[in-house]
C-alpha atoms as a PDB file:
ATOM      1  CA  UNK A   1     166.986 -39.488   8.219  1.00  0.00           C
ATOM      2  CA  UNK A   2     165.601 -36.145   7.748  1.00  0.00           C
ATOM      3  CA  UNK A   3     166.038 -33.566   4.792  1.00  0.00           C
ATOM      4  CA  UNK A   4     168.643 -31.950   6.248  1.00  0.00           C
ATOM      5  CA  UNK A   5     170.500 -34.705   7.574  1.00  0.00           C
ATOM      6  CA  UNK A   6     170.470 -35.834   4.002  1.00  0.00           C
ATOM      7  CA  UNK A   7     171.339 -32.424   2.305  1.00  0.00           C
ATOM      8  CA  UNK A   8     174.359 -32.395   5.086  1.00  0.00           C
ATOM      9  CA  UNK A   9     175.333 -35.729   4.133  1.00  0.00           C
ATOM     10  CA  UNK A  10     175.317 -34.664   0.290  1.00  0.00           C
ATOM     11  CA  UNK A  11     177.514 -31.350   0.769  1.00  0.00           C
ATOM     12  CA  UNK A  12     180.500 -33.805   2.867  1.00  0.00           C
ATOM     13  CA  UNK A  13     180.206 -36.275   0.020  1.00  0.00           C
ATOM     14  CA  UNK A  14     180.582 -33.411  -2.673  1.00  0.00           C
ATOM     15  CA  UNK A  15     183.948 -31.853  -0.634  1.00  0.00           C
ATOM     16  CA  UNK A  16     185.462 -35.370  -0.043  1.00  0.00           C
ATOM     17  CA  UNK A  17     184.955 -36.731  -3.361  1.00  0.00           C
ATOM     18  CA  UNK A  18     186.980 -33.098  -4.520  1.00  0.00           C
ATOM     19  CA  UNK A  19     189.501 -32.988  -1.843  1.00  0.00           C
ATOM     20  CA  UNK A  20     190.612 -36.763  -2.165  1.00  0.00           C
ATOM     21  CA  UNK A  21     190.677 -36.577  -6.366  1.00  0.00           C
ATOM     22  CA  UNK A  22     193.206 -33.727  -6.037  1.00  0.00           C
ATOM     23  CA  UNK A  23     195.327 -35.285  -3.317  1.00  0.00           C
ATOM     24  CA  UNK A  24     195.248 -38.590  -5.705  1.00  0.00           C
ATOM     25  CA  UNK A  25     196.208 -36.537  -8.726  1.00  0.00           C
ATOM     26  CA  UNK A  26     198.744 -34.807  -6.676  1.00  0.00           C
ATOM     27  CA  UNK A  27     200.567 -38.137  -5.328  1.00  0.00           C
ATOM     28  CA  UNK A  28     200.614 -39.815  -9.402  1.00  0.00           C
ATOM     29  CA  UNK A  29     201.736 -36.446 -10.436  1.00  0.00           C
ATOM     30  CA  UNK A  30     204.070 -36.772  -8.000  1.00  0.00           C
ATOM     31  CA  UNK A  31     205.070 -40.649  -8.872  1.00  0.00           C
ATOM     32  CA  UNK A  32     205.502 -39.525 -12.336  1.00  0.00           C
ATOM     33  CA  UNK A  33     207.814 -36.301 -11.152  1.00  0.00           C
ATOM     34  CA  UNK A  34     210.020 -38.599  -8.744  1.00  0.00           C
ATOM     35  CA  UNK A  35     214.076 -38.951  -9.658  1.00  0.00           C
ATOM     36  CA  UNK A  36     216.649 -40.892  -8.454  1.00  0.00           C
ATOM     37  CA  UNK A  37     219.231 -38.991  -5.487  1.00  0.00           C
ATOM     38  CA  UNK A  38     221.909 -37.052  -6.879  1.00  0.00           C
ATOM     39  CA  UNK A  39     225.041 -38.402  -4.726  1.00  0.00           C
ATOM     40  CA  UNK A  40     226.751 -35.757  -3.303  1.00  0.00           C
ATOM     41  CA  UNK A  41     223.451 -33.110  -3.003  1.00  0.00           C
ATOM     42  CA  UNK A  42     221.517 -32.775  -0.217  1.00  0.00           C
ATOM     43  CA  UNK A  43     217.925 -34.100  -0.701  1.00  0.00           C
ATOM     44  CA  UNK A  44     215.012 -32.316   0.218  1.00  0.00           C
ATOM     45  CA  UNK A  45     212.981 -34.097   2.740  1.00  0.00           C
ATOM     46  CA  UNK A  46     210.790 -36.940   1.191  1.00  0.00           C
ATOM     47  CA  UNK A  47     207.996 -35.664   4.235  1.00  0.00           C
ATOM     48  CA  UNK A  48     208.348 -31.977   2.160  1.00  0.00           C
ATOM     49  CA  UNK A  49     208.544 -33.426  -1.243  1.00  0.00           C
ATOM     50  CA  UNK A  50     205.229 -34.646  -0.860  1.00  0.00           C
ATOM     51  CA  UNK A  51     203.151 -32.495   1.361  1.00  0.00           C
ATOM     52  CA  UNK A  52     204.305 -29.530  -0.581  1.00  0.00           C
ATOM     53  CA  UNK A  53     201.438 -30.827  -4.015  1.00  0.00           C
ATOM     54  CA  UNK A  54     199.049 -31.985  -1.270  1.00  0.00           C
ATOM     55  CA  UNK A  55     199.205 -28.639   0.427  1.00  0.00           C
ATOM     56  CA  UNK A  56     199.124 -26.510  -2.880  1.00  0.00           C
ATOM     57  CA  UNK A  57     196.434 -28.673  -3.935  1.00  0.00           C
ATOM     58  CA  UNK A  58     194.388 -27.730  -0.842  1.00  0.00           C
ATOM     59  CA  UNK A  59     195.297 -23.964  -1.372  1.00  0.00           C
ATOM     60  CA  UNK A  60     194.072 -24.354  -4.871  1.00  0.00           C
ATOM     61  CA  UNK A  61     190.116 -26.009  -3.575  1.00  0.00           C
ATOM     62  CA  UNK A  62     189.806 -23.485  -1.199  1.00  0.00           C
ATOM     63  CA  UNK A  63     190.303 -20.607  -3.082  1.00  0.00           C
ATOM     64  CA  UNK A  64     187.540 -22.468  -5.938  1.00  0.00           C
ATOM     65  CA  UNK A  65     185.822 -22.621  -2.101  1.00  0.00           C
ATOM     66  CA  UNK A  66     185.819 -19.427  -1.984  1.00  0.00           C
ATOM     67  CA  UNK A  67     185.783 -17.547  -5.083  1.00  0.00           C
ATOM     68  CA  UNK A  68     182.530 -19.593  -5.699  1.00  0.00           C
ATOM     69  CA  UNK A  69     180.753 -19.078  -2.464  1.00  0.00           C
ATOM     70  CA  UNK A  70     181.385 -15.651  -3.682  1.00  0.00           C
ATOM     71  CA  UNK A  71     179.970 -16.407  -7.739  1.00  0.00           C
ATOM     72  CA  UNK A  72     176.793 -18.049  -6.007  1.00  0.00           C
ATOM     73  CA  UNK A  73     175.008 -14.572  -4.660  1.00  0.00           C
ATOM     74  CA  UNK A  74     175.624 -13.135  -8.229  1.00  0.00           C
ATOM     75  CA  UNK A  75     174.142 -16.770  -9.741  1.00  0.00           C
ATOM     76  CA  UNK A  76     171.000 -16.143  -8.320  1.00  0.00           C
ATOM     77  CA  UNK A  77     170.366 -13.009  -8.709  1.00  0.00           C
ATOM     78  CA  UNK A  78     169.134 -10.399  -5.998  1.00  0.00           C
ATOM     79  CA  UNK A  79     165.633  -9.756  -6.875  1.00  0.00           C
ATOM     80  CA  UNK A  80     163.835 -12.711  -4.591  1.00  0.00           C
ATOM     81  CA  UNK A  81     165.460 -12.130  -1.615  1.00  0.00           C
ATOM     82  CA  UNK A  82     163.137 -14.683   0.428  1.00  0.00           C
ATOM     83  CA  UNK A  83     164.176 -17.336  -1.372  1.00  0.00           C
ATOM     84  CA  UNK A  84     167.507 -16.486  -1.778  1.00  0.00           C
ATOM     85  CA  UNK A  85     168.166 -15.307   1.595  1.00  0.00           C
ATOM     86  CA  UNK A  86     168.317 -18.540   3.633  1.00  0.00           C
ATOM     87  CA  UNK A  87     170.810 -20.168   1.303  1.00  0.00           C
ATOM     88  CA  UNK A  88     173.015 -17.578   1.671  1.00  0.00           C
ATOM     89  CA  UNK A  89     172.779 -17.317   5.367  1.00  0.00           C
ATOM     90  CA  UNK A  90     174.507 -20.734   4.764  1.00  0.00           C
ATOM     91  CA  UNK A  91     176.858 -19.147   1.734  1.00  0.00           C
ATOM     92  CA  UNK A  92     178.896 -16.636   3.713  1.00  0.00           C
ATOM     93  CA  UNK A  93     180.074 -18.024   6.809  1.00  0.00           C
ATOM     94  CA  UNK A  94     181.308 -21.105   4.926  1.00  0.00           C
ATOM     95  CA  UNK A  95     182.793 -18.432   1.984  1.00  0.00           C
ATOM     96  CA  UNK A  96     184.764 -16.883   5.632  1.00  0.00           C
ATOM     97  CA  UNK A  97     185.869 -20.649   6.414  1.00  0.00           C
ATOM     98  CA  UNK A  98     187.109 -21.191   2.969  1.00  0.00           C
ATOM     99  CA  UNK A  99     188.823 -18.091   2.715  1.00  0.00           C
ATOM    100  CA  UNK A 100     190.799 -18.785   6.124  1.00  0.00           C
ATOM    101  CA  UNK A 101     191.609 -22.223   4.696  1.00  0.00           C
ATOM    102  CA  UNK A 102     192.788 -20.594   2.149  1.00  0.00           C
ATOM    103  CA  UNK A 103     195.134 -18.269   4.210  1.00  0.00           C
ATOM    104  CA  UNK A 104     196.097 -20.999   6.674  1.00  0.00           C
ATOM    105  CA  UNK A 105     197.321 -23.479   3.574  1.00  0.00           C
ATOM    106  CA  UNK A 106     198.850 -20.197   1.785  1.00  0.00           C
ATOM    107  CA  UNK A 107     201.334 -19.461   4.888  1.00  0.00           C
ATOM    108  CA  UNK A 108     201.793 -23.463   4.844  1.00  0.00           C
ATOM    109  CA  UNK A 109     202.823 -23.833   2.047  1.00  0.00           C
ATOM    110  CA  UNK A 110     205.306 -20.954   2.285  1.00  0.00           C
ATOM    111  CA  UNK A 111     206.820 -22.794   5.328  1.00  0.00           C
ATOM    112  CA  UNK A 112     207.209 -25.886   3.318  1.00  0.00           C
ATOM    113  CA  UNK A 113     208.983 -24.446   0.339  1.00  0.00           C
ATOM    114  CA  UNK A 114     211.563 -22.622   2.383  1.00  0.00           C
ATOM    115  CA  UNK A 115     212.110 -25.855   3.811  1.00  0.00           C
ATOM    116  CA  UNK A 116     212.855 -26.757   0.368  1.00  0.00           C
ATOM    117  CA  UNK A 117     214.686 -24.027  -0.774  1.00  0.00           C
ATOM    118  CA  UNK A 118     217.293 -25.042   2.542  1.00  0.00           C
ATOM    119  CA  UNK A 119     217.467 -28.799   1.931  1.00  0.00           C
ATOM    120  CA  UNK A 120     220.535 -29.099   4.126  1.00  0.00           C
ATOM    121  CA  UNK A 121     218.928 -27.332   7.451  1.00  0.00           C
ATOM    122  CA  UNK A 122     217.136 -29.618  10.155  1.00  0.00           C
ATOM    123  CA  UNK A 123     215.367 -26.590  11.218  1.00  0.00           C
ATOM    124  CA  UNK A 124     213.994 -23.139  10.305  1.00  0.00           C
ATOM    125  CA  UNK A 125     213.622 -19.879  11.937  1.00  0.00           C
ATOM    126  CA  UNK A 126     210.971 -17.187  10.855  1.00  0.00           C
ATOM    127  CA  UNK A 127     214.473 -15.403   9.407  1.00  0.00           C
ATOM    128  CA  UNK A 128     214.828 -18.303   6.863  1.00  0.00           C
ATOM    129  CA  UNK A 129     211.419 -17.881   5.985  1.00  0.00           C
ATOM    130  CA  UNK A 130     211.990 -14.051   5.540  1.00  0.00           C
ATOM    131  CA  UNK A 131     214.985 -14.861   3.247  1.00  0.00           C
ATOM    132  CA  UNK A 132     212.978 -17.137   1.285  1.00  0.00           C
ATOM    133  CA  UNK A 133     210.178 -14.577   0.415  1.00  0.00           C
ATOM    134  CA  UNK A 134     212.977 -11.147  -0.004  1.00  0.00           C
ATOM    135  CA  UNK A 135     215.033 -14.034  -2.361  1.00  0.00           C
ATOM    136  CA  UNK A 136     212.419 -16.325  -4.198  1.00  0.00           C
ATOM    137  CA  UNK A 137     209.183 -14.892  -6.120  1.00  0.00           C
ATOM    138  CA  UNK A 138     207.257 -17.574  -5.198  1.00  0.00           C
ATOM    139  CA  UNK A 139     207.345 -16.752  -1.666  1.00  0.00           C
ATOM    140  CA  UNK A 140     206.449 -13.660  -2.677  1.00  0.00           C
ATOM    141  CA  UNK A 141     203.524 -14.684  -4.132  1.00  0.00           C
ATOM    142  CA  UNK A 142     202.156 -16.849  -1.367  1.00  0.00           C
ATOM    143  CA  UNK A 143     202.447 -14.230   1.291  1.00  0.00           C
ATOM    144  CA  UNK A 144     201.078 -12.071  -0.509  1.00  0.00           C
ATOM    145  CA  UNK A 145     198.052 -15.158  -1.756  1.00  0.00           C
ATOM    146  CA  UNK A 146     197.558 -15.065   2.252  1.00  0.00           C
ATOM    147  CA  UNK A 147     197.011 -11.819   2.747  1.00  0.00           C
ATOM    148  CA  UNK A 148     194.742 -11.096  -0.134  1.00  0.00           C
ATOM    149  CA  UNK A 149     192.217 -14.278   1.765  1.00  0.00           C
ATOM    150  CA  UNK A 150     192.616 -12.888   4.767  1.00  0.00           C
ATOM    151  CA  UNK A 151     191.248  -9.765   3.202  1.00  0.00           C
ATOM    152  CA  UNK A 152     188.480 -11.366   1.447  1.00  0.00           C
ATOM    153  CA  UNK A 153     187.500 -13.224   5.109  1.00  0.00           C
ATOM    154  CA  UNK A 154     187.280  -9.535   5.989  1.00  0.00           C
ATOM    155  CA  UNK A 155     184.423  -8.674   3.397  1.00  0.00           C
ATOM    156  CA  UNK A 156     183.249 -12.114   4.745  1.00  0.00           C
ATOM    157  CA  UNK A 157     182.623 -11.221   7.684  1.00  0.00           C
ATOM    158  CA  UNK A 158     181.495  -7.599   7.083  1.00  0.00           C
ATOM    159  CA  UNK A 159     178.852  -9.707   4.615  1.00  0.00           C
ATOM    160  CA  UNK A 160     177.937 -11.441   7.379  1.00  0.00           C
ATOM    161  CA  UNK A 161     176.882  -8.711   9.482  1.00  0.00           C
ATOM    162  CA  UNK A 162     175.391  -6.105   5.971  1.00  0.00           C
ATOM    163  CA  UNK A 163     173.860  -9.035   3.042  1.00  0.00           C
ATOM    164  CA  UNK A 164     174.673  -8.143  -0.389  1.00  0.00           C
ATOM    165  CA  UNK A 165     175.080  -4.003   1.123  1.00  0.00           C
ATOM    166  CA  UNK A 166     178.507  -5.848   0.560  1.00  0.00           C
ATOM    167  CA  UNK A 167     178.479  -6.507  -3.088  1.00  0.00           C
ATOM    168  CA  UNK A 168     179.360 -10.351  -4.352  1.00  0.00           C
ATOM    169  CA  UNK A 169     180.881  -8.727  -7.160  1.00  0.00           C
ATOM    170  CA  UNK A 170     183.716  -7.252  -5.120  1.00  0.00           C
ATOM    171  CA  UNK A 171     184.216 -10.411  -3.026  1.00  0.00           C
ATOM    172  CA  UNK A 172     184.729 -12.341  -6.675  1.00  0.00           C
ATOM    173  CA  UNK A 173     186.611  -9.766  -7.831  1.00  0.00           C
ATOM    174  CA  UNK A 174     189.118  -9.774  -4.835  1.00  0.00           C
ATOM    175  CA  UNK A 175     189.133 -13.563  -5.104  1.00  0.00           C
ATOM    176  CA  UNK A 176     190.113 -13.404  -9.075  1.00  0.00           C
ATOM    177  CA  UNK A 177     192.653 -10.949  -8.242  1.00  0.00           C
ATOM    178  CA  UNK A 178     194.450 -13.210  -5.439  1.00  0.00           C
ATOM    179  CA  UNK A 179     194.543 -16.323  -7.640  1.00  0.00           C
ATOM    180  CA  UNK A 180     196.712 -14.086 -10.150  1.00  0.00           C
ATOM    181  CA  UNK A 181     200.733 -13.764  -8.032  1.00  0.00           C
ATOM    182  CA  UNK A 182     201.147 -17.506  -7.944  1.00  0.00           C
ATOM    183  CA  UNK A 183     200.769 -18.345 -11.747  1.00  0.00           C
ATOM    184  CA  UNK A 184     203.583 -15.703 -12.585  1.00  0.00           C
ATOM    185  CA  UNK A 185     206.348 -18.103 -10.193  1.00  0.00           C
ATOM    186  CA  UNK A 186     205.763 -20.829 -12.311  1.00  0.00           C
ATOM    187  CA  UNK A 187     207.329 -21.873 -16.270  1.00  0.00           C
ATOM    188  CA  UNK A 188     206.052 -19.348 -17.620  1.00  0.00           C
ATOM    189  CA  UNK A 189     208.169 -16.435 -15.796  1.00  0.00           C
ATOM    190  CA  UNK A 190     211.152 -17.508 -18.136  1.00  0.00           C
ATOM    191  CA  UNK A 191     209.690 -17.877 -21.288  1.00  0.00           C
ATOM    192  CA  UNK A 192     210.997 -16.008 -24.112  1.00  0.00           C
ATOM    193  CA  UNK A 193     207.061 -15.314 -24.499  1.00  0.00           C
ATOM    194  CA  UNK A 194     206.573 -13.748 -21.450  1.00  0.00           C
ATOM    195  CA  UNK A 195     204.085 -11.508 -21.780  1.00  0.00           C
ATOM    196  CA  UNK A 196     201.709 -14.109 -24.046  1.00  0.00           C
ATOM    197  CA  UNK A 197     202.180 -16.876 -21.881  1.00  0.00           C
ATOM    198  CA  UNK A 198     201.633 -14.817 -18.737  1.00  0.00           C
ATOM    199  CA  UNK A 199     198.096 -14.170 -19.800  1.00  0.00           C
ATOM    200  CA  UNK A 200     197.434 -17.037 -20.991  1.00  0.00           C
ATOM    201  CA  UNK A 201     198.490 -18.760 -17.700  1.00  0.00           C
ATOM    202  CA  UNK A 202     196.146 -15.901 -15.583  1.00  0.00           C
ATOM    203  CA  UNK A 203     193.517 -16.981 -17.732  1.00  0.00           C
ATOM    204  CA  UNK A 204     193.505 -20.627 -17.564  1.00  0.00           C
ATOM    205  CA  UNK A 205     193.825 -20.121 -13.791  1.00  0.00           C
ATOM    206  CA  UNK A 206     190.552 -18.323 -13.402  1.00  0.00           C
ATOM    207  CA  UNK A 207     188.394 -19.922 -15.764  1.00  0.00           C
ATOM    208  CA  UNK A 208     189.256 -23.367 -13.774  1.00  0.00           C
ATOM    209  CA  UNK A 209     188.509 -21.791 -10.882  1.00  0.00           C
ATOM    210  CA  UNK A 210     185.289 -19.931 -11.343  1.00  0.00           C
ATOM    211  CA  UNK A 211     183.654 -22.845 -13.192  1.00  0.00           C
ATOM    212  CA  UNK A 212     184.760 -25.280 -10.617  1.00  0.00           C
ATOM    213  CA  UNK A 213     184.145 -22.668  -7.642  1.00  0.00           C
ATOM    214  CA  UNK A 214     180.507 -22.043  -9.940  1.00  0.00           C
ATOM    215  CA  UNK A 215     179.650 -25.658 -10.318  1.00  0.00           C
ATOM    216  CA  UNK A 216     180.973 -26.957  -7.086  1.00  0.00           C
ATOM    217  CA  UNK A 217     178.499 -23.967  -5.022  1.00  0.00           C
ATOM    218  CA  UNK A 218     175.428 -24.956  -6.807  1.00  0.00           C
ATOM    219  CA  UNK A 219     176.080 -28.535  -6.547  1.00  0.00           C
ATOM    220  CA  UNK A 220     176.622 -28.264  -2.303  1.00  0.00           C
ATOM    221  CA  UNK A 221     173.791 -25.431  -2.295  1.00  0.00           C
ATOM    222  CA  UNK A 222     171.383 -25.395  -4.457  1.00  0.00           C
ATOM    223  CA  UNK A 223     170.249 -28.672  -5.484  1.00  0.00           C
ATOM    224  CA  UNK A 224     168.000 -28.928  -3.161  1.00  0.00           C
ATOM    225  CA  UNK A 225     165.562 -25.323  -4.062  1.00  0.00           C
ATOM    226  CA  UNK A 226     164.361 -26.284  -7.652  1.00  0.00           C
ATOM    227  CA  UNK A 227     163.205 -22.871  -7.871  1.00  0.00           C
ATOM    228  CA  UNK A 228     166.927 -21.165  -7.625  1.00  0.00           C
ATOM    229  CA  UNK A 229     168.571 -23.634  -9.826  1.00  0.00           C
ATOM    230  CA  UNK A 230     166.504 -23.196 -12.710  1.00  0.00           C
ATOM    231  CA  UNK A 231     167.282 -19.368 -12.233  1.00  0.00           C
ATOM    232  CA  UNK A 232     171.232 -20.069 -11.528  1.00  0.00           C
ATOM    233  CA  UNK A 233     172.399 -23.029 -13.876  1.00  0.00           C
ATOM    234  CA  UNK A 234     171.368 -21.243 -17.318  1.00  0.00           C
ATOM    235  CA  UNK A 235     172.932 -18.510 -16.276  1.00  0.00           C
ATOM    236  CA  UNK A 236     176.388 -20.477 -14.764  1.00  0.00           C
ATOM    237  CA  UNK A 237     175.969 -22.358 -18.216  1.00  0.00           C
ATOM    238  CA  UNK A 238     177.033 -19.584 -20.245  1.00  0.00           C
ATOM    239  CA  UNK A 239     179.815 -18.832 -18.059  1.00  0.00           C
ATOM    240  CA  UNK A 240     180.778 -22.598 -17.800  1.00  0.00           C
ATOM    241  CA  UNK A 241     181.085 -22.628 -21.635  1.00  0.00           C
ATOM    242  CA  UNK A 242     183.176 -19.800 -21.807  1.00  0.00           C
ATOM    243  CA  UNK A 243     185.770 -20.611 -18.907  1.00  0.00           C
ATOM    244  CA  UNK A 244     186.037 -24.434 -20.641  1.00  0.00           C
ATOM    245  CA  UNK A 245     186.999 -22.881 -23.898  1.00  0.00           C
ATOM    246  CA  UNK A 246     189.487 -20.343 -22.094  1.00  0.00           C
ATOM    247  CA  UNK A 247     190.389 -23.170 -20.099  1.00  0.00           C
ATOM    248  CA  UNK A 248     191.122 -25.678 -22.777  1.00  0.00           C
ATOM    249  CA  UNK A 249     192.688 -23.060 -24.842  1.00  0.00           C
ATOM    250  CA  UNK A 250     194.629 -21.858 -22.906  1.00  0.00           C
ATOM    251  CA  UNK A 251     196.175 -25.154 -20.928  1.00  0.00           C
ATOM    252  CA  UNK A 252     197.173 -26.634 -24.545  1.00  0.00           C
ATOM    253  CA  UNK A 253     199.031 -23.255 -25.529  1.00  0.00           C
ATOM    254  CA  UNK A 254     200.877 -23.171 -22.056  1.00  0.00           C
ATOM    255  CA  UNK A 255     201.862 -26.783 -21.898  1.00  0.00           C
ATOM    256  CA  UNK A 256     202.805 -27.334 -25.728  1.00  0.00           C
ATOM    257  CA  UNK A 257     204.715 -23.754 -25.391  1.00  0.00           C
ATOM    258  CA  UNK A 258     206.552 -25.518 -22.731  1.00  0.00           C
ATOM    259  CA  UNK A 259     207.861 -27.949 -24.090  1.00  0.00           C
ATOM    260  CA  UNK A 260     208.415 -26.929 -27.907  1.00  0.00           C
ATOM    261  CA  UNK A 261     210.875 -24.384 -26.093  1.00  0.00           C
ATOM    262  CA  UNK A 262     213.311 -26.892 -25.000  1.00  0.00           C
ATOM    263  CA  UNK A 263     215.758 -27.503 -27.116  1.00  0.00           C
ATOM    264  CA  UNK A 264     216.995 -30.750 -26.262  1.00  0.00           C
ATOM    265  CA  UNK A 265     214.367 -32.252 -27.218  1.00  0.00           C
ATOM    266  CA  UNK A 266     211.525 -33.246 -30.658  1.00  0.00           C
ATOM    267  CA  UNK A 267     208.144 -31.903 -29.429  1.00  0.00           C
ATOM    268  CA  UNK A 268     207.137 -35.119 -30.011  1.00  0.00           C
ATOM    269  CA  UNK A 269     209.533 -36.496 -27.418  1.00  0.00           C
ATOM    270  CA  UNK A 270     208.555 -33.745 -25.381  1.00  0.00           C
ATOM    271  CA  UNK A 271     204.862 -35.002 -25.070  1.00  0.00           C
ATOM    272  CA  UNK A 272     205.330 -39.042 -24.464  1.00  0.00           C
ATOM    273  CA  UNK A 273     208.839 -39.029 -22.845  1.00  0.00           C
ATOM    274  CA  UNK A 274     208.615 -36.455 -20.054  1.00  0.00           C
ATOM    275  CA  UNK A 275     206.781 -36.493 -16.817  1.00  0.00           C
ATOM    276  CA  UNK A 276     206.267 -32.833 -17.522  1.00  0.00           C
ATOM    277  CA  UNK A 277     203.795 -34.140 -21.404  1.00  0.00           C
ATOM    278  CA  UNK A 278     202.434 -37.046 -19.237  1.00  0.00           C
ATOM    279  CA  UNK A 279     201.172 -34.367 -17.309  1.00  0.00           C
ATOM    280  CA  UNK A 280     199.577 -32.270 -19.849  1.00  0.00           C
ATOM    281  CA  UNK A 281     197.898 -35.328 -21.121  1.00  0.00           C
ATOM    282  CA  UNK A 282     196.748 -36.105 -18.333  1.00  0.00           C
ATOM    283  CA  UNK A 283     195.311 -32.794 -17.646  1.00  0.00           C
ATOM    284  CA  UNK A 284     193.795 -32.821 -21.361  1.00  0.00           C
ATOM    285  CA  UNK A 285     191.754 -35.831 -20.784  1.00  0.00           C
ATOM    286  CA  UNK A 286     190.272 -34.477 -17.811  1.00  0.00           C
ATOM    287  CA  UNK A 287     189.620 -31.680 -19.605  1.00  0.00           C
ATOM    288  CA  UNK A 288     187.828 -34.016 -22.045  1.00  0.00           C
ATOM    289  CA  UNK A 289     185.988 -35.927 -19.946  1.00  0.00           C
ATOM    290  CA  UNK A 290     184.622 -32.352 -17.908  1.00  0.00           C
ATOM    291  CA  UNK A 291     183.125 -31.257 -21.383  1.00  0.00           C
ATOM    292  CA  UNK A 292     181.373 -34.294 -21.985  1.00  0.00           C
ATOM    293  CA  UNK A 293     179.801 -34.134 -18.444  1.00  0.00           C
ATOM    294  CA  UNK A 294     179.132 -30.576 -18.525  1.00  0.00           C
ATOM    295  CA  UNK A 295     177.776 -30.944 -22.284  1.00  0.00           C
ATOM    296  CA  UNK A 296     175.316 -33.995 -20.873  1.00  0.00           C
ATOM    297  CA  UNK A 297     174.017 -31.594 -18.086  1.00  0.00           C
ATOM    298  CA  UNK A 298     174.214 -28.933 -20.245  1.00  0.00           C
ATOM    299  CA  UNK A 299     171.975 -30.448 -23.148  1.00  0.00           C
ATOM    300  CA  UNK A 300     169.915 -33.300 -21.388  1.00  0.00           C
ATOM    301  CA  UNK A 301     169.866 -32.396 -17.747  1.00  0.00           C
ATOM    302  CA  UNK A 302     169.238 -28.231 -17.449  1.00  0.00           C
ATOM    303  CA  UNK A 303     165.580 -28.479 -19.413  1.00  0.00           C
ATOM    304  CA  UNK A 304     163.733 -30.490 -17.049  1.00  0.00           C
ATOM    305  CA  UNK A 305     165.305 -28.473 -14.437  1.00  0.00           C
ATOM    306  CA  UNK A 306     164.115 -25.807 -15.774  1.00  0.00           C
ATOM    307  CA  UNK A 307     160.864 -27.274 -15.597  1.00  0.00           C
ATOM    308  CA  UNK A 308     161.295 -28.097 -12.140  1.00  0.00           C
ATOM    309  CA  UNK A 309     161.651 -31.794 -12.766  1.00  0.00           C
ATOM    310  CA  UNK A 310     163.656 -34.048 -10.294  1.00  0.00           C
ATOM    311  CA  UNK A 311     166.937 -34.876 -11.694  1.00  0.00           C
ATOM    312  CA  UNK A 312     170.391 -36.518 -10.776  1.00  0.00           C
ATOM    313  CA  UNK A 313     172.030 -33.109 -11.254  1.00  0.00           C
ATOM    314  CA  UNK A 314     173.682 -34.175  -7.635  1.00  0.00           C
ATOM    315  CA  UNK A 315     175.309 -36.824  -8.738  1.00  0.00           C
ATOM    316  CA  UNK A 316     176.115 -35.665 -12.053  1.00  0.00           C
ATOM    317  CA  UNK A 317     177.935 -32.243 -10.919  1.00  0.00           C
ATOM    318  CA  UNK A 318     179.817 -34.377  -8.315  1.00  0.00           C
ATOM    319  CA  UNK A 319     181.234 -36.869 -10.533  1.00  0.00           C
ATOM    320  CA  UNK A 320     182.490 -33.389 -12.664  1.00  0.00           C
ATOM    321  CA  UNK A 321     183.676 -31.874  -9.461  1.00  0.00           C
ATOM    322  CA  UNK A 322     186.047 -34.976  -9.136  1.00  0.00           C
ATOM    323  CA  UNK A 323     187.374 -34.874 -12.381  1.00  0.00           C
ATOM    324  CA  UNK A 324     187.892 -31.568 -11.797  1.00  0.00           C
ATOM    325  CA  UNK A 325     190.110 -32.672  -7.722  1.00  0.00           C
ATOM    326  CA  UNK A 326     191.735 -34.602 -10.475  1.00  0.00           C
ATOM    327  CA  UNK A 327     193.394 -32.678 -13.106  1.00  0.00           C
ATOM    328  CA  UNK A 328     193.492 -29.533 -10.077  1.00  0.00           C
ATOM    329  CA  UNK A 329     196.456 -31.776  -8.727  1.00  0.00           C
ATOM    330  CA  UNK A 330     197.743 -32.832 -12.151  1.00  0.00           C
ATOM    331  CA  UNK A 331     197.996 -29.460 -12.622  1.00  0.00           C
ATOM    332  CA  UNK A 332     200.402 -28.342  -9.084  1.00  0.00           C
ATOM    333  CA  UNK A 333     202.403 -30.712  -9.733  1.00  0.00           C
ATOM    334  CA  UNK A 334     202.523 -29.717 -13.563  1.00  0.00           C
ATOM    335  CA  UNK A 335     203.355 -26.220 -12.713  1.00  0.00           C
ATOM    336  CA  UNK A 336     206.625 -27.940 -11.000  1.00  0.00           C
ATOM    337  CA  UNK A 337     207.715 -30.432 -13.716  1.00  0.00           C
ATOM    338  CA  UNK A 338     210.897 -29.964 -15.620  1.00  0.00           C
ATOM    339  CA  UNK A 339     210.681 -30.851 -19.453  1.00  0.00           C
ATOM    340  CA  UNK A 340     213.572 -33.730 -18.994  1.00  0.00           C
ATOM    341  CA  UNK A 341     212.603 -36.936 -20.272  1.00  0.00           C
ATOM    342  CA  UNK A 342     212.573 -39.846 -17.961  1.00  0.00           C
ATOM    343  CA  UNK A 343     215.040 -41.928 -16.752  1.00  0.00           C
END
């Protein structure tokens, strides 16, 4: 087997692990939050109910890939084009493809959520989708995300032709901006602490995506280039540390505030007896595992990588990304889970 074939299989393995873990996390969340049908009330199709979190996971993963591939150019730097250009010639078209998937999954999610909004309808029309966009904040958010993702793909096409004359920082900034519409349509939009929770939620999403995307891009494209990896990993390590702190703090803040503001539940009852609280605990567990894996990479592997020694970074990064995918699956359902006790 050639080196190129080995590298290609490793890339497919990383993507497979992350996507599978994300879907598994979403399905676990769906199982935790499932409720018995209410007599006399129109029920949403089970296919729609399960498809929404799965599509939202794919939306999140494609957003992670889009931003991570754009961020890779910043991590490797611009001062050694002979080394970095062969990598970026792979990263740029992959970034365009990821952005197109991001836009497509946003539109599919829009259609599915329209079906959820109209549970008694056997068919959907464009006017139904238009009404959902006009009446529901989540509809507007998904449409904006789709448009921004398509704009990102357009910038990516320009980067294919002109290279770094289309600054990677612009692509990263646009990608992060495209993350902002969806979180404001979740639980936090109805909280009394609206301003604080909005800022916290946006920081949580951006830090999680930047952290996961940067690690994924390096694990997929840089593990075979020790020189670029030795340059990029220390820079990413600083970003990852900041993202870990922000992600853990804001995620815990958002979850605990949501639980504490439910007047019908005690705090500990809300944490342990509601699907929402259980998902918060599962996400917290994932964060602890990810922090441990990141610490091992930082303190054990990175000194050897800086010396250009061979390491098992690909395996450790794949494991960390798999846990991240699981956390993304939990997070998708968490944004839709009610803070009510299980029955």
